[in-house]
């Protein structure tokens, strides 16, 4: 990471305060669940997969925006 603040933010995302949001919301709900739903082949579950992907994207963005802002710069 280019700076100490970036390293601390990455640690907060992957192992700290935002770990549940990142791993549970972004990776599982936003990536793995939609992929599994698409492999079912049921058109009615495609909409659920899309909604899960959007919620996962929100979790990802929330973690990556909020984690660096909570670290003091000075």
Protein backbone atom coordinates (compact mmCIF):
# COMPACT_ATOMS: atom_id res chain seq x y z
CA UNK A 1 0.00 0.00 0.00
CA UNK A 2 1.31 3.44 -0.81
CA UNK A 3 0.73 4.83 2.67
CA UNK A 4 0.15 3.76 6.25
CA UNK A 5 -3.41 5.07 6.09
CA UNK A 6 -4.17 2.91 3.04
CA UNK A 7 -2.72 -0.14 4.78
CA UNK A 8 -4.82 0.49 7.88
CA UNK A 9 -7.94 0.99 5.77
CA UNK A 10 -7.30 -2.27 3.90
CA UNK A 11 -6.85 -4.08 7.20
CA UNK A 12 -10.12 -2.61 8.52
CA UNK A 13 -11.89 -3.84 5.38
CA UNK A 14 -10.47 -7.35 5.33
CA UNK A 15 -10.02 -8.10 9.04
CA UNK A 16 -11.43 -5.25 11.08
CA UNK A 17 -14.61 -3.28 11.49
CA UNK A 18 -15.84 -3.78 7.90
CA UNK A 19 -14.85 -7.43 7.49
CA UNK A 20 -18.37 -8.81 7.91
CA UNK A 21 -19.76 -6.27 5.45
CA UNK A 22 -17.02 -6.98 2.92
CA UNK A 23 -16.80 -10.78 3.14
CA UNK A 24 -20.45 -11.49 3.91
CA UNK A 25 -22.12 -8.75 1.93
CA UNK A 26 -19.79 -8.21 -0.98
CA UNK A 27 -18.14 -11.56 -1.57
CA UNK A 28 -20.85 -14.01 -0.53
CA UNK A 29 -24.06 -12.07 -1.20
CA UNK A 30 -22.78 -10.02 -4.10
CA UNK A 31 -20.69 -12.61 -5.94
CA UNK A 32 -21.22 -16.21 -4.87
CA UNK A 33 -24.99 -16.14 -4.30
CA UNK A 34 -25.81 -14.58 -7.70
CA UNK A 35 -23.47 -17.00 -9.42
CA UNK A 36 -25.14 -19.95 -7.72
CA UNK A 37 -28.60 -18.59 -8.57
CA UNK A 38 -27.67 -18.17 -12.22
CA UNK A 39 -26.54 -21.79 -12.42
CA UNK A 40 -30.00 -22.95 -11.37
CA UNK A 41 -31.34 -21.89 -14.75
CA UNK A 42 -34.62 -20.63 -13.31
CA UNK A 43 -35.64 -17.30 -14.87
CA UNK A 44 -37.51 -16.28 -11.72
CA UNK A 45 -34.27 -16.57 -9.72
CA UNK A 46 -32.38 -14.38 -12.18
CA UNK A 47 -34.12 -11.32 -10.72
CA UNK A 48 -33.15 -12.42 -7.21
CA UNK A 49 -29.57 -12.82 -8.43
CA UNK A 50 -29.64 -9.28 -9.80
CA UNK A 51 -30.94 -7.85 -6.55
CA UNK A 52 -28.32 -9.77 -4.57
CA UNK A 53 -25.60 -8.42 -6.86
CA UNK A 54 -26.80 -4.84 -6.34
CA UNK A 55 -26.90 -5.28 -2.56
CA UNK A 56 -23.41 -6.79 -2.67
CA UNK A 57 -22.19 -3.83 -4.70
CA UNK A 58 -23.61 -1.48 -2.09
CA UNK A 59 -21.80 -3.39 0.68
CA UNK A 60 -18.53 -3.23 -1.26
CA UNK A 61 -18.80 0.49 -1.95
CA UNK A 62 -19.84 1.28 1.61
CA UNK A 63 -16.83 -0.54 3.05
CA UNK A 64 -14.35 1.03 0.62
CA UNK A 65 -15.69 4.55 1.14
CA UNK A 66 -16.18 4.51 4.90
CA UNK A 67 -13.09 2.62 6.08
CA UNK A 68 -10.50 5.22 4.98
CA UNK A 69 -12.63 8.09 6.30
CA UNK A 70 -12.62 6.75 9.85
CA UNK A 71 -8.82 6.65 10.10
CA UNK A 72 -7.32 9.85 11.53
CA UNK A 73 -4.89 11.51 9.10
CA UNK A 74 -2.78 13.28 11.65
